[in-house]
Amino acid sequence: MHIPVSIFLPIAAGIYGGFVGGYIYNKNKSSKYKVILQITGVLLVLLCIIAFLYDFEII
């Protein structure tokens, strides 16, 4: 049975949102952590696009 990969994306997005929320409420904000969050966000968006293309059998 084929399980769609996109079913796990809300879990990944929730974890990412937790890290972003932790960064927003952190009093000691570092630029290194901000860059890591931005890169992770871009990778999560790319993963989402690839997963939907895979689930709709385009690729």
N, C-alpha and C. Protein backbone atom coordinates (compact mmCIF):
# COMPACT_ATOMS: atom_id res chain seq x y z
N MET A 1 0.84 -1.19 0.00
CA MET A 1 0.00 0.00 0.00
C MET A 1 0.89 1.25 0.00
N HIS A 2 0.52 2.20 -0.80
CA HIS A 2 1.30 3.43 -0.95
C HIS A 2 0.81 4.48 0.03
N ILE A 3 1.67 4.90 0.95
CA ILE A 3 1.33 5.96 1.90
C ILE A 3 1.85 7.27 1.34
N PRO A 4 0.98 8.28 1.19
CA PRO A 4 1.45 9.57 0.67
C PRO A 4 2.49 10.19 1.61
N VAL A 5 3.53 10.71 1.01
CA VAL A 5 4.60 11.34 1.78
C VAL A 5 4.10 12.63 2.42
N SER A 6 3.16 13.29 1.75
CA SER A 6 2.69 14.59 2.24
C SER A 6 1.90 14.50 3.54
N ILE A 7 1.57 13.29 3.97
CA ILE A 7 0.83 13.14 5.23
C ILE A 7 1.71 13.53 6.43
N PHE A 8 3.01 13.47 6.27
CA PHE A 8 3.93 13.80 7.36
C PHE A 8 4.34 15.27 7.38
N LEU A 9 3.97 16.03 6.37
CA LEU A 9 4.38 17.43 6.30
C LEU A 9 3.78 18.31 7.40
N PRO A 10 2.53 18.11 7.83
CA PRO A 10 2.04 18.94 8.95
C PRO A 10 2.82 18.72 10.24
N ILE A 11 3.32 17.53 10.44
CA ILE A 11 4.14 17.26 11.63
C ILE A 11 5.44 18.04 11.55
N ALA A 12 6.09 18.00 10.38
CA ALA A 12 7.34 18.75 10.19
C ALA A 12 7.10 20.25 10.31
N ALA A 13 5.98 20.72 9.77
CA ALA A 13 5.66 22.15 9.86
C ALA A 13 5.37 22.57 11.30
N GLY A 14 4.74 21.70 12.06
CA GLY A 14 4.47 22.01 13.47
C GLY A 14 5.75 22.10 14.28
N ILE A 15 6.67 21.19 14.04
CA ILE A 15 7.95 21.23 14.74
C ILE A 15 8.72 22.49 14.35
N TYR A 16 8.71 22.82 13.06
CA TYR A 16 9.38 24.03 12.60
C TYR A 16 8.74 25.27 13.23
N GLY A 17 7.43 25.30 13.30
CA GLY A 17 6.74 26.42 13.93
C GLY A 17 7.09 26.57 15.40
N GLY A 18 7.29 25.45 16.07
CA GLY A 18 7.73 25.50 17.47
C GLY A 18 9.09 26.15 17.61
N PHE A 19 10.00 25.81 16.70
CA PHE A 19 11.33 26.43 16.75
C PHE A 19 11.28 27.92 16.43
N VAL A 20 10.44 28.29 15.46
CA VAL A 20 10.30 29.71 15.12
C VAL A 20 9.69 30.48 16.29
N GLY A 21 8.68 29.90 16.91
CA GLY A 21 8.08 30.55 18.08
C GLY A 21 9.06 30.68 19.23
N GLY A 22 9.88 29.67 19.41
CA GLY A 22 10.92 29.75 20.44
C GLY A 22 11.92 30.84 20.14
N TYR A 23 12.24 31.03 18.86
CA TYR A 23 13.16 32.10 18.49
C TYR A 23 12.54 33.47 18.73
N ILE A 24 11.26 33.62 18.41
CA ILE A 24 10.59 34.91 18.57
C ILE A 24 10.55 35.33 20.03
N TYR A 25 10.28 34.38 20.93
CA TYR A 25 10.15 34.72 22.34
C TYR A 25 11.46 34.63 23.11
N ASN A 26 12.55 34.29 22.43
CA ASN A 26 13.85 34.23 23.09
C ASN A 26 14.42 35.64 23.23
N LYS A 27 14.94 35.95 24.40
CA LYS A 27 15.50 37.28 24.62
C LYS A 27 16.91 37.40 24.04
N ASN A 28 17.62 36.30 23.93
CA ASN A 28 18.98 36.30 23.39
C ASN A 28 18.95 35.79 21.94
N LYS A 29 18.53 36.65 21.03
CA LYS A 29 18.41 36.25 19.63
C LYS A 29 19.77 36.33 18.95
N SER A 30 20.15 35.24 18.30
CA SER A 30 21.42 35.25 17.58
C SER A 30 21.15 35.20 16.08
N SER A 31 22.01 35.84 15.31
CA SER A 31 21.83 35.84 13.86
C SER A 31 22.10 34.46 13.27
N LYS A 32 22.95 33.68 13.92
CA LYS A 32 23.24 32.32 13.45
C LYS A 32 21.98 31.46 13.50
N TYR A 33 21.24 31.55 14.58
CA TYR A 33 20.00 30.77 14.73
C TYR A 33 18.96 31.23 13.72
N LYS A 34 18.92 32.54 13.44
CA LYS A 34 17.99 33.08 12.47
C LYS A 34 18.28 32.54 11.07
N VAL A 35 19.54 32.49 10.70
CA VAL A 35 19.93 31.97 9.39
C VAL A 35 19.59 30.49 9.29
N ILE A 36 19.82 29.74 10.35
CA ILE A 36 19.49 28.32 10.36
C ILE A 36 17.99 28.12 10.18
N LEU A 37 17.18 28.94 10.84
CA LEU A 37 15.72 28.84 10.68
C LEU A 37 15.28 29.21 9.26
N GLN A 38 15.92 30.19 8.66
CA GLN A 38 15.56 30.57 7.30
C GLN A 38 15.91 29.48 6.30
N ILE A 39 17.08 28.89 6.44
CA ILE A 39 17.49 27.81 5.54
C ILE A 39 16.58 26.60 5.73
N THR A 40 16.25 26.28 6.97
CA THR A 40 15.35 25.16 7.24
C THR A 40 13.97 25.42 6.66
N GLY A 41 13.49 26.64 6.72
CA GLY A 41 12.20 26.98 6.15
C GLY A 41 12.19 26.81 4.64
N VAL A 42 13.25 27.23 3.98
CA VAL A 42 13.35 27.06 2.53
C VAL A 42 13.39 25.58 2.17
N LEU A 43 14.15 24.80 2.91
CA LEU A 43 14.21 23.36 2.67
C LEU A 43 12.87 22.69 2.90
N LEU A 44 12.13 23.14 3.90
CA LEU A 44 10.80 22.58 4.18
C LEU A 44 9.83 22.89 3.04
N VAL A 45 9.91 24.09 2.48
CA VAL A 45 9.06 24.44 1.34
C VAL A 45 9.41 23.59 0.12
N LEU A 46 10.70 23.41 -0.14
CA LEU A 46 11.12 22.57 -1.26
C LEU A 46 10.68 21.13 -1.06
N LEU A 47 10.79 20.63 0.16
CA LEU A 47 10.34 19.28 0.48
C LEU A 47 8.84 19.15 0.25
N CYS A 48 8.09 20.17 0.60
CA CYS A 48 6.64 20.17 0.41
C CYS A 48 6.31 20.11 -1.08
N ILE A 49 6.98 20.90 -1.89
CA ILE A 49 6.73 20.90 -3.33
C ILE A 49 7.06 19.55 -3.93
N ILE A 50 8.20 18.98 -3.56
CA ILE A 50 8.60 17.69 -4.09
C ILE A 50 7.63 16.60 -3.65
N ALA A 51 7.19 16.65 -2.41
CA ALA A 51 6.28 15.63 -1.90
C ALA A 51 4.94 15.67 -2.64
N PHE A 52 4.43 16.87 -2.89
CA PHE A 52 3.16 16.96 -3.62
C PHE A 52 3.31 16.51 -5.08
N LEU A 53 4.43 16.84 -5.70
CA LEU A 53 4.66 16.37 -7.05
C LEU A 53 4.77 14.84 -7.08
N TYR A 54 5.41 14.28 -6.07
CA TYR A 54 5.53 12.82 -5.97
C TYR A 54 4.18 12.17 -5.70
N ASP A 55 3.38 12.76 -4.83
CA ASP A 55 2.08 12.18 -4.49
C ASP A 55 1.09 12.24 -5.65
N PHE A 56 1.19 13.30 -6.48
CA PHE A 56 0.33 13.40 -7.65
C PHE A 56 0.93 12.69 -8.86
N GLU A 57 2.02 11.99 -8.64
CA GLU A 57 2.71 11.17 -9.64
C GLU A 57 3.12 11.98 -10.86
N ILE A 58 3.57 13.19 -10.64
CA ILE A 58 4.09 14.02 -11.72
C ILE A 58 5.56 13.69 -11.95
N ILE A 59 6.27 13.39 -10.85
CA ILE A 59 7.67 12.97 -10.99
C ILE A 59 7.81 11.54 -10.56
